[in-house]
C-alpha atoms as a PDB file:
ATOM      1  CA  MET A   1     -48.260   9.309 -14.943  1.00  0.00           C
ATOM      2  CA  LEU A   2     -46.017   9.663 -11.893  1.00  0.00           C
ATOM      3  CA  SER A   3     -43.251  12.176 -12.196  1.00  0.00           C
ATOM      4  CA  ARG A   4     -39.693  10.913 -12.387  1.00  0.00           C
ATOM      5  CA  ALA A   5     -38.936  12.297  -8.905  1.00  0.00           C
ATOM      6  CA  LEU A   6     -41.955  10.564  -7.334  1.00  0.00           C
ATOM      7  CA  SER A   7     -41.096   7.298  -9.078  1.00  0.00           C
ATOM      8  CA  SER A   8     -37.544   7.470  -7.753  1.00  0.00           C
ATOM      9  CA  LEU A   9     -38.831   8.137  -4.228  1.00  0.00           C
ATOM     10  CA  LEU A  10     -41.202   5.177  -4.335  1.00  0.00           C
ATOM     11  CA  ALA A  11     -38.459   2.917  -5.641  1.00  0.00           C
ATOM     12  CA  ALA A  12     -36.092   3.998  -2.870  1.00  0.00           C
ATOM     13  CA  LEU A  13     -38.741   3.408  -0.184  1.00  0.00           C
ATOM     14  CA  LEU A  14     -39.543  -0.026  -1.580  1.00  0.00           C
ATOM     15  CA  GLY A  15     -35.859  -0.978  -1.699  1.00  0.00           C
ATOM     16  CA  ALA A  16     -35.319   0.141   1.892  1.00  0.00           C
ATOM     17  CA  ALA A  17     -38.338  -1.850   3.057  1.00  0.00           C
ATOM     18  CA  LEU A  18     -37.086  -4.992   1.357  1.00  0.00           C
ATOM     19  CA  LEU A  19     -33.571  -4.679   2.744  1.00  0.00           C
ATOM     20  CA  SER A  20     -34.661  -3.848   6.302  1.00  0.00           C
ATOM     21  CA  GLY A  21     -36.851  -6.916   6.739  1.00  0.00           C
ATOM     22  CA  PRO A  22     -35.979  -9.569   9.366  1.00  0.00           C
ATOM     23  CA  ALA A  23     -33.110 -11.911   8.548  1.00  0.00           C
ATOM     24  CA  ARG A  24     -34.081 -15.457   7.631  1.00  0.00           C
ATOM     25  CA  ALA A  25     -32.396 -18.600   8.888  1.00  0.00           C
ATOM     26  CA  GLN A  26     -29.378 -19.900   7.028  1.00  0.00           C
ATOM     27  CA  SER A  27     -30.368 -21.895   3.970  1.00  0.00           C
ATOM     28  CA  ASP A  28     -29.637 -22.241   0.293  1.00  0.00           C
ATOM     29  CA  GLU A  29     -32.596 -20.020  -0.567  1.00  0.00           C
ATOM     30  CA  PRO A  30     -31.962 -16.433  -1.699  1.00  0.00           C
ATOM     31  CA  GLY A  31     -32.246 -13.741   0.938  1.00  0.00           C
ATOM     32  CA  CYS A  32     -30.756 -12.717   4.248  1.00  0.00           C
ATOM     33  CA  ARG A  33     -28.525 -14.962   6.300  1.00  0.00           C
ATOM     34  CA  PRO A  34     -27.277 -14.352   9.870  1.00  0.00           C
ATOM     35  CA  GLU A  35     -24.377 -12.179   8.742  1.00  0.00           C
ATOM     36  CA  MET A  36     -26.867  -9.886   7.010  1.00  0.00           C
ATOM     37  CA  ALA A  37     -28.574  -9.157  10.333  1.00  0.00           C
ATOM     38  CA  SER A  38     -25.528  -7.125  11.362  1.00  0.00           C
ATOM     39  CA  LEU A  39     -24.913  -5.505   8.002  1.00  0.00           C
ATOM     40  CA  ARG A  40     -26.005  -1.908   7.693  1.00  0.00           C
ATOM     41  CA  LEU A  41     -27.379  -0.550   4.472  1.00  0.00           C
ATOM     42  CA  PRO A  42     -24.623   0.536   2.091  1.00  0.00           C
ATOM     43  CA  ILE A  43     -23.490   4.104   2.590  1.00  0.00           C
ATOM     44  CA  GLN A  44     -24.475   6.307  -0.337  1.00  0.00           C
ATOM     45  CA  ARG A  45     -21.198   7.908  -1.307  1.00  0.00           C
ATOM     46  CA  ALA A  46     -20.807  11.040  -3.394  1.00  0.00           C
ATOM     47  CA  ASN A  47     -19.407  10.469  -6.853  1.00  0.00           C
ATOM     48  CA  LEU A  48     -15.734  11.352  -6.666  1.00  0.00           C
ATOM     49  CA  THR A  49     -13.955  12.864  -9.617  1.00  0.00           C
ATOM     50  CA  LEU A  50     -10.962  10.544 -10.007  1.00  0.00           C
ATOM     51  CA  ALA A  51      -7.939  11.275 -12.128  1.00  0.00           C
ATOM     52  CA  ASN A  52      -6.599   8.777 -14.632  1.00  0.00           C
ATOM     53  CA  LEU A  53      -4.024   6.406 -13.211  1.00  0.00           C
ATOM     54  CA  ALA A  54      -0.343   6.591 -14.061  1.00  0.00           C
ATOM     55  CA  LYS A  55       1.305   3.414 -15.348  1.00  0.00           C
ATOM     56  CA  ASP A  56       2.504   2.348 -11.879  1.00  0.00           C
ATOM     57  CA  GLU A  57      -0.624   3.294  -9.893  1.00  0.00           C
ATOM     58  CA  VAL A  58      -3.457   1.088  -8.629  1.00  0.00           C
ATOM     59  CA  ARG A  59      -6.659   2.503  -7.164  1.00  0.00           C
ATOM     60  CA  LEU A  60      -8.663   0.762  -4.436  1.00  0.00           C
ATOM     61  CA  THR A  61     -12.135   1.894  -3.409  1.00  0.00           C
ATOM     62  CA  PHE A  62     -13.758   0.393  -0.320  1.00  0.00           C
ATOM     63  CA  VAL A  63     -17.352  -0.099  -1.462  1.00  0.00           C
ATOM     64  CA  GLY A  64     -18.373  -1.687   1.844  1.00  0.00           C
ATOM     65  CA  HIS A  65     -18.453  -4.956   3.826  1.00  0.00           C
ATOM     66  CA  ALA A  66     -15.913  -7.112   1.920  1.00  0.00           C
ATOM     67  CA  THR A  67     -16.239  -5.473  -1.486  1.00  0.00           C
ATOM     68  CA  PHE A  68     -13.437  -3.400  -2.963  1.00  0.00           C
ATOM     69  CA  LEU A  69     -13.194  -1.984  -6.453  1.00  0.00           C
ATOM     70  CA  ILE A  70      -9.651  -2.446  -7.755  1.00  0.00           C
ATOM     71  CA  GLU A  71      -8.656  -0.432 -10.838  1.00  0.00           C
ATOM     72  CA  THR A  72      -5.476  -0.948 -12.847  1.00  0.00           C
ATOM     73  CA  PRO A  73      -3.555   1.590 -14.972  1.00  0.00           C
ATOM     74  CA  GLY A  74      -4.759  -0.278 -18.065  1.00  0.00           C
ATOM     75  CA  GLY A  75      -8.399   0.220 -17.101  1.00  0.00           C
ATOM     76  CA  VAL A  76      -9.231  -3.274 -15.792  1.00  0.00           C
ATOM     77  CA  LYS A  77     -11.763  -3.183 -12.936  1.00  0.00           C
ATOM     78  CA  VAL A  78     -12.268  -5.900 -10.321  1.00  0.00           C
ATOM     79  CA  ALA A  79     -14.927  -6.185  -7.601  1.00  0.00           C
ATOM     80  CA  THR A  80     -14.075  -8.461  -4.678  1.00  0.00           C
ATOM     81  CA  ASP A  81     -16.699 -10.603  -2.921  1.00  0.00           C
ATOM     82  CA  TYR A  82     -19.253  -9.290  -5.412  1.00  0.00           C
ATOM     83  CA  ASN A  83     -22.808  -9.731  -4.100  1.00  0.00           C
ATOM     84  CA  ASP A  84     -26.405  -8.592  -4.452  1.00  0.00           C
ATOM     85  CA  TYR A  85     -26.393  -6.145  -1.511  1.00  0.00           C
ATOM     86  CA  VAL A  86     -23.217  -4.060  -1.762  1.00  0.00           C
ATOM     87  CA  ARG A  87     -21.941  -3.291  -5.248  1.00  0.00           C
ATOM     88  CA  PRO A  88     -19.659  -0.719  -6.864  1.00  0.00           C
ATOM     89  CA  SER A  89     -21.287   1.962  -8.978  1.00  0.00           C
ATOM     90  CA  VAL A  90     -19.549   0.651 -12.112  1.00  0.00           C
ATOM     91  CA  THR A  91     -19.698  -2.792 -13.730  1.00  0.00           C
ATOM     92  CA  PRO A  92     -16.422  -4.615 -13.101  1.00  0.00           C
ATOM     93  CA  ASP A  93     -14.586  -6.636 -15.723  1.00  0.00           C
ATOM     94  CA  ILE A  94     -13.899  -9.350 -13.143  1.00  0.00           C
ATOM     95  CA  ALA A  95     -15.918 -10.310 -10.059  1.00  0.00           C
ATOM     96  CA  THR A  96     -14.551 -12.603  -7.372  1.00  0.00           C
ATOM     97  CA  MET A  97     -16.907 -14.320  -4.920  1.00  0.00           C
ATOM     98  CA  ASN A  98     -16.958 -16.469  -1.799  1.00  0.00           C
ATOM     99  CA  LYS A  99     -19.827 -18.632  -0.627  1.00  0.00           C
ATOM    100  CA  ALA A 100     -19.720 -18.181   3.149  1.00  0.00           C
ATOM    101  CA  HIS A 101     -22.747 -15.863   3.147  1.00  0.00           C
ATOM    102  CA  SER A 102     -24.964 -14.199   0.591  1.00  0.00           C
ATOM    103  CA  THR A 103     -23.140 -10.915   1.231  1.00  0.00           C
ATOM    104  CA  HIS A 104     -20.088 -12.439  -0.460  1.00  0.00           C
ATOM    105  CA  ASN A 105     -21.593 -13.793  -3.664  1.00  0.00           C
ATOM    106  CA  SER A 106     -24.294 -13.013  -6.191  1.00  0.00           C
ATOM    107  CA  ARG A 107     -27.071 -15.167  -7.586  1.00  0.00           C
ATOM    108  CA  ASN A 108     -27.639 -12.582 -10.288  1.00  0.00           C
ATOM    109  CA  PRO A 109     -24.318 -11.078 -11.338  1.00  0.00           C
ATOM    110  CA  ASP A 110     -24.407  -8.367 -13.952  1.00  0.00           C
ATOM    111  CA  PRO A 111     -24.245 -10.190 -17.325  1.00  0.00           C
ATOM    112  CA  ALA A 112     -21.830  -7.513 -18.557  1.00  0.00           C
ATOM    113  CA  ILE A 113     -19.119  -8.849 -16.224  1.00  0.00           C
ATOM    114  CA  LYS A 114     -16.534 -10.584 -18.397  1.00  0.00           C
ATOM    115  CA  GLN A 115     -15.239 -13.049 -15.794  1.00  0.00           C
ATOM    116  CA  VAL A 116     -17.002 -14.297 -12.637  1.00  0.00           C
ATOM    117  CA  LEU A 117     -14.619 -16.226 -10.386  1.00  0.00           C
ATOM    118  CA  PRO A 118     -16.228 -18.204  -7.530  1.00  0.00           C
ATOM    119  CA  GLY A 119     -13.870 -19.025  -4.686  1.00  0.00           C
ATOM    120  CA  TRP A 120     -15.269 -22.543  -4.480  1.00  0.00           C
ATOM    121  CA  ASP A 121     -15.948 -25.281  -7.006  1.00  0.00           C
ATOM    122  CA  PRO A 122     -19.741 -25.278  -7.570  1.00  0.00           C
ATOM    123  CA  THR A 123     -19.556 -28.945  -8.669  1.00  0.00           C
ATOM    124  CA  GLY A 124     -18.002 -29.971  -5.356  1.00  0.00           C
ATOM    125  CA  ALA A 125     -15.210 -31.793  -7.185  1.00  0.00           C
ATOM    126  CA  GLY A 126     -12.436 -30.068  -5.214  1.00  0.00           C
ATOM    127  CA  PRO A 127     -10.890 -26.628  -4.708  1.00  0.00           C
ATOM    128  CA  ALA A 128     -11.488 -23.788  -7.127  1.00  0.00           C
ATOM    129  CA  ARG A 129      -8.550 -23.091  -9.417  1.00  0.00           C
ATOM    130  CA  HIS A 130      -8.231 -19.684 -11.031  1.00  0.00           C
ATOM    131  CA  ASP A 131      -5.245 -18.100 -12.743  1.00  0.00           C
ATOM    132  CA  LEU A 132      -6.418 -15.465 -15.190  1.00  0.00           C
ATOM    133  CA  THR A 133      -4.696 -12.607 -16.981  1.00  0.00           C
ATOM    134  CA  MET A 134      -6.714  -9.722 -18.365  1.00  0.00           C
ATOM    135  CA  GLY A 135      -4.825  -6.742 -19.706  1.00  0.00           C
ATOM    136  CA  ASP A 136      -2.321  -5.626 -17.069  1.00  0.00           C
ATOM    137  CA  LEU A 137      -3.898  -7.728 -14.292  1.00  0.00           C
ATOM    138  CA  ARG A 138      -3.257 -11.285 -13.185  1.00  0.00           C
ATOM    139  CA  VAL A 139      -5.698 -12.749 -10.659  1.00  0.00           C
ATOM    140  CA  ARG A 140      -5.345 -16.118  -8.951  1.00  0.00           C
ATOM    141  CA  ASN A 141      -6.824 -17.815  -5.912  1.00  0.00           C
ATOM    142  CA  VAL A 142      -5.547 -19.653  -2.857  1.00  0.00           C
ATOM    143  CA  PRO A 143      -8.216 -22.021  -1.444  1.00  0.00           C
ATOM    144  CA  THR A 144      -9.071 -22.013   2.275  1.00  0.00           C
ATOM    145  CA  ASN A 145     -11.455 -23.981   4.474  1.00  0.00           C
ATOM    146  CA  ILE A 146     -14.612 -22.563   6.046  1.00  0.00           C
ATOM    147  CA  ARG A 147     -17.115 -23.625   8.675  1.00  0.00           C
ATOM    148  CA  SER A 148     -20.245 -25.026   7.083  1.00  0.00           C
ATOM    149  CA  TYR A 149     -23.717 -24.101   8.318  1.00  0.00           C
ATOM    150  CA  SER A 150     -23.802 -27.350  10.316  1.00  0.00           C
ATOM    151  CA  GLY A 151     -20.551 -26.443  12.092  1.00  0.00           C
ATOM    152  CA  SER A 152     -18.384 -28.934  10.227  1.00  0.00           C
ATOM    153  CA  THR A 153     -15.429 -28.019   8.035  1.00  0.00           C
ATOM    154  CA  ASP A 154     -16.057 -27.300   4.367  1.00  0.00           C
ATOM    155  CA  PHE A 155     -12.635 -28.054   2.948  1.00  0.00           C
ATOM    156  CA  ASP A 156     -11.516 -25.644   0.216  1.00  0.00           C
ATOM    157  CA  GLY A 157     -14.899 -23.928   0.489  1.00  0.00           C
ATOM    158  CA  ASN A 158     -13.599 -20.389  -0.018  1.00  0.00           C
ATOM    159  CA  SER A 159     -10.588 -18.609  -1.457  1.00  0.00           C
ATOM    160  CA  MET A 160      -8.204 -15.775  -0.896  1.00  0.00           C
ATOM    161  CA  PHE A 161      -7.697 -13.894  -4.156  1.00  0.00           C
ATOM    162  CA  VAL A 162      -4.382 -12.423  -5.244  1.00  0.00           C
ATOM    163  CA  PHE A 163      -4.190  -9.539  -7.722  1.00  0.00           C
ATOM    164  CA  GLU A 164      -0.863  -8.878  -9.425  1.00  0.00           C
ATOM    165  CA  ILE A 165      -0.620  -5.517 -11.194  1.00  0.00           C
ATOM    166  CA  GLY A 166       2.822  -4.515 -12.397  1.00  0.00           C
ATOM    167  CA  GLU A 167       5.099  -4.855  -9.387  1.00  0.00           C
ATOM    168  CA  LEU A 168       2.249  -4.659  -6.866  1.00  0.00           C
ATOM    169  CA  CYS A 169       0.687  -7.703  -5.220  1.00  0.00           C
ATOM    170  CA  ILE A 170      -2.703  -7.242  -3.491  1.00  0.00           C
ATOM    171  CA  ALA A 171      -4.317 -10.044  -1.462  1.00  0.00           C
ATOM    172  CA  HIS A 172      -7.995 -10.138  -0.459  1.00  0.00           C
ATOM    173  CA  LEU A 173      -8.408 -12.665   2.360  1.00  0.00           C
ATOM    174  CA  GLY A 174     -12.151 -13.062   1.831  1.00  0.00           C
ATOM    175  CA  HIS A 175     -14.095 -14.882   4.550  1.00  0.00           C
ATOM    176  CA  LEU A 176     -11.036 -16.384   6.227  1.00  0.00           C
ATOM    177  CA  HIS A 177     -11.933 -18.746   9.074  1.00  0.00           C
ATOM    178  CA  HIS A 178      -8.594 -20.185  10.193  1.00  0.00           C
ATOM    179  CA  PRO A 179      -4.900 -19.333  10.643  1.00  0.00           C
ATOM    180  CA  LEU A 180      -2.696 -19.535   7.589  1.00  0.00           C
ATOM    181  CA  GLU A 181      -0.403 -22.517   7.273  1.00  0.00           C
ATOM    182  CA  PRO A 182       3.022 -22.457   5.575  1.00  0.00           C
ATOM    183  CA  GLY A 183       1.460 -23.787   2.375  1.00  0.00           C
ATOM    184  CA  HIS A 184      -0.958 -20.854   2.245  1.00  0.00           C
ATOM    185  CA  LEU A 185       1.861 -18.380   2.762  1.00  0.00           C
ATOM    186  CA  ARG A 186       3.950 -19.944   0.009  1.00  0.00           C
ATOM    187  CA  ALA A 187       0.977 -19.875  -2.368  1.00  0.00           C
ATOM    188  CA  LEU A 188       0.238 -16.227  -1.594  1.00  0.00           C
ATOM    189  CA  GLY A 189       3.847 -15.179  -2.101  1.00  0.00           C
ATOM    190  CA  ARG A 190       4.929 -11.622  -1.361  1.00  0.00           C
ATOM    191  CA  VAL A 191       1.985  -9.407  -0.422  1.00  0.00           C
ATOM    192  CA  ASP A 192       2.275  -5.612  -0.620  1.00  0.00           C
ATOM    193  CA  VAL A 193      -1.347  -4.756   0.238  1.00  0.00           C
ATOM    194  CA  VAL A 194      -3.681  -7.003   2.225  1.00  0.00           C
ATOM    195  CA  LEU A 195      -7.456  -6.563   2.588  1.00  0.00           C
ATOM    196  CA  PHE A 196      -8.597  -8.509   5.651  1.00  0.00           C
ATOM    197  CA  PRO A 197     -11.727  -9.103   7.800  1.00  0.00           C
ATOM    198  CA  VAL A 198     -11.721  -7.955  11.434  1.00  0.00           C
ATOM    199  CA  ASP A 199     -15.203  -8.837  12.736  1.00  0.00           C
ATOM    200  CA  GLY A 200     -13.664 -11.569  14.886  1.00  0.00           C
ATOM    201  CA  SER A 201     -16.733 -13.808  14.986  1.00  0.00           C
ATOM    202  CA  TYR A 202     -18.039 -14.733  11.539  1.00  0.00           C
ATOM    203  CA  THR A 203     -14.417 -14.971  10.400  1.00  0.00           C
ATOM    204  CA  LEU A 204     -11.153 -15.666  12.236  1.00  0.00           C
ATOM    205  CA  ASP A 205     -10.921 -14.150  15.729  1.00  0.00           C
ATOM    206  CA  GLN A 206      -9.047 -10.866  15.985  1.00  0.00           C
ATOM    207  CA  GLU A 207      -6.000 -12.293  17.757  1.00  0.00           C
ATOM    208  CA  GLY A 208      -5.710 -14.905  15.039  1.00  0.00           C
ATOM    209  CA  MET A 209      -6.001 -12.204  12.380  1.00  0.00           C
ATOM    210  CA  LEU A 210      -3.154 -10.287  14.010  1.00  0.00           C
ATOM    211  CA  ASP A 211      -1.017 -13.414  13.686  1.00  0.00           C
ATOM    212  CA  VAL A 212      -1.961 -13.689  10.003  1.00  0.00           C
ATOM    213  CA  LEU A 213      -0.912 -10.074   9.413  1.00  0.00           C
ATOM    214  CA  LYS A 214       2.383 -10.614  11.212  1.00  0.00           C
ATOM    215  CA  SER A 215       3.125 -13.576   8.971  1.00  0.00           C
ATOM    216  CA  LEU A 216       2.247 -11.687   5.773  1.00  0.00           C
ATOM    217  CA  GLN A 217       4.222  -8.533   6.622  1.00  0.00           C
ATOM    218  CA  ALA A 218       2.349  -6.485   4.020  1.00  0.00           C
ATOM    219  CA  ARG A 219       3.296  -2.806   3.944  1.00  0.00           C
ATOM    220  CA  VAL A 220      -0.356  -1.689   3.636  1.00  0.00           C
ATOM    221  CA  MET A 221      -3.087  -3.437   5.673  1.00  0.00           C
ATOM    222  CA  ILE A 222      -6.691  -2.363   5.083  1.00  0.00           C
ATOM    223  CA  PRO A 223      -9.424  -3.735   7.399  1.00  0.00           C
ATOM    224  CA  MET A 224     -12.885  -4.686   6.146  1.00  0.00           C
ATOM    225  CA  HIS A 225     -15.921  -6.678   7.304  1.00  0.00           C
ATOM    226  CA  PHE A 226     -16.250  -4.945  10.678  1.00  0.00           C
ATOM    227  CA  PHE A 227     -19.986  -4.160  10.957  1.00  0.00           C
ATOM    228  CA  GLY A 228     -19.446  -0.885  12.794  1.00  0.00           C
ATOM    229  CA  GLY A 229     -17.062   1.308  14.746  1.00  0.00           C
ATOM    230  CA  SER A 230     -16.874  -0.639  18.015  1.00  0.00           C
ATOM    231  CA  THR A 231     -15.589  -3.828  16.396  1.00  0.00           C
ATOM    232  CA  LEU A 232     -13.118  -1.912  14.258  1.00  0.00           C
ATOM    233  CA  ASN A 233     -11.881   0.153  17.205  1.00  0.00           C
ATOM    234  CA  ARG A 234     -11.347  -2.969  19.288  1.00  0.00           C
ATOM    235  CA  PHE A 235      -9.130  -4.369  16.563  1.00  0.00           C
ATOM    236  CA  LEU A 236      -7.254  -1.096  16.097  1.00  0.00           C
ATOM    237  CA  ALA A 237      -6.578  -0.863  19.834  1.00  0.00           C
ATOM    238  CA  ARG A 238      -4.648  -4.138  19.571  1.00  0.00           C
ATOM    239  CA  SER A 239      -3.074  -3.558  16.171  1.00  0.00           C
ATOM    240  CA  GLN A 240      -1.581  -0.180  17.120  1.00  0.00           C
ATOM    241  CA  GLU A 241       0.620  -2.030  19.590  1.00  0.00           C
ATOM    242  CA  PHE A 242       2.454  -3.399  16.546  1.00  0.00           C
ATOM    243  CA  TRP A 243       1.905  -0.984  13.655  1.00  0.00           C
ATOM    244  CA  PRO A 244       0.985   2.650  13.034  1.00  0.00           C
ATOM    245  CA  VAL A 245      -2.650   3.317  12.136  1.00  0.00           C
ATOM    246  CA  GLU A 246      -3.836   5.906   9.624  1.00  0.00           C
ATOM    247  CA  ARG A 247      -7.477   6.882   9.140  1.00  0.00           C
ATOM    248  CA  ARG A 248      -8.517   8.292   5.782  1.00  0.00           C
ATOM    249  CA  GLU A 249     -11.528  10.527   5.140  1.00  0.00           C
ATOM    250  CA  GLN A 250     -12.291   9.093   1.696  1.00  0.00           C
ATOM    251  CA  PRO A 251     -12.916   5.434   0.765  1.00  0.00           C
ATOM    252  CA  VAL A 252     -10.372   5.657  -2.061  1.00  0.00           C
ATOM    253  CA  ILE A 253      -6.631   5.072  -1.945  1.00  0.00           C
ATOM    254  CA  THR A 254      -4.074   5.060  -4.755  1.00  0.00           C
ATOM    255  CA  VAL A 255      -0.991   2.908  -4.205  1.00  0.00           C
ATOM    256  CA  THR A 256       2.300   2.434  -6.005  1.00  0.00           C
ATOM    257  CA  LYS A 257       5.165   0.059  -5.348  1.00  0.00           C
ATOM    258  CA  THR A 258       7.597   2.907  -4.744  1.00  0.00           C
ATOM    259  CA  GLY A 259       5.098   4.824  -2.598  1.00  0.00           C
ATOM    260  CA  LEU A 260       4.416   2.059  -0.074  1.00  0.00           C
ATOM    261  CA  PRO A 261       5.036   2.989   3.584  1.00  0.00           C
ATOM    262  CA  THR A 262       8.521   2.212   4.843  1.00  0.00           C
ATOM    263  CA  LYS A 263       6.950   0.261   7.726  1.00  0.00           C
ATOM    264  CA  PRO A 264       3.838  -1.965   7.681  1.00  0.00           C
ATOM    265  CA  THR A 265       0.880   0.353   8.300  1.00  0.00           C
ATOM    266  CA  VAL A 266      -2.831  -0.172   8.960  1.00  0.00           C
ATOM    267  CA  ILE A 267      -4.844   2.196   6.767  1.00  0.00           C
ATOM    268  CA  VAL A 268      -8.534   2.538   7.630  1.00  0.00           C
ATOM    269  CA  LEU A 269     -10.967   3.541   4.877  1.00  0.00           C
ATOM    270  CA  PRO A 270     -14.512   4.627   5.780  1.00  0.00           C
ATOM    271  CA  GLY A 271     -17.085   1.895   5.236  1.00  0.00           C
ATOM    272  CA  ASN A 272     -18.744  -0.950   7.126  1.00  0.00           C
END
């Protein structure tokens, strides 16, 4: 019988081989899609010893790509753009998804997840509609359009998700492909913390994303979906013309309504 250590090593090597294979063409079949070709393997992070949250605190952990773990004071856990490649180390109570690429949704979500919220209507009958309260968290969606694989517009094909926890409002823009219109801004409402993609190619171009951030005026702006340092640095070079930029050493940040920066600030968490 193989020892436990040898078994673990073989499993790790097999997993790396499977994930490092060539990307397949876009299709509805499981597996890699073009976005995956640029996605590095998830960074193996050390387990951090995290203190319990006070009643007004919310913890965000950047797991990688477009996935954040959001934790409320009441113990509710949410994973954004939950997928089969980059996942938090704990099972969330709620998982939100978008269908733009397989790195934003899961074909095999953990059955222990209490609520799985797709950002599109799988029946094709219209936009997804979610407005759910669990414990001290309310989560709702604001539908957006995306480019389909053929290049046409898939109306209401994805969603931005809004998380309301106490007095804090956190918006995850998902796989946003277009500028926000007044109707989107009204539906989002006040945003204190925004999680937004900055790759500038698979999603909205970087200049367009700057315009989105200006319209939202969130006090904390956390970039995601940047595939590496050069893309992120290109965005930061432009954004620092408008807002201060802070780089953190850990992928975890705890926010409170009263502790928000006095001026809108870009806060960079390590990830990919």
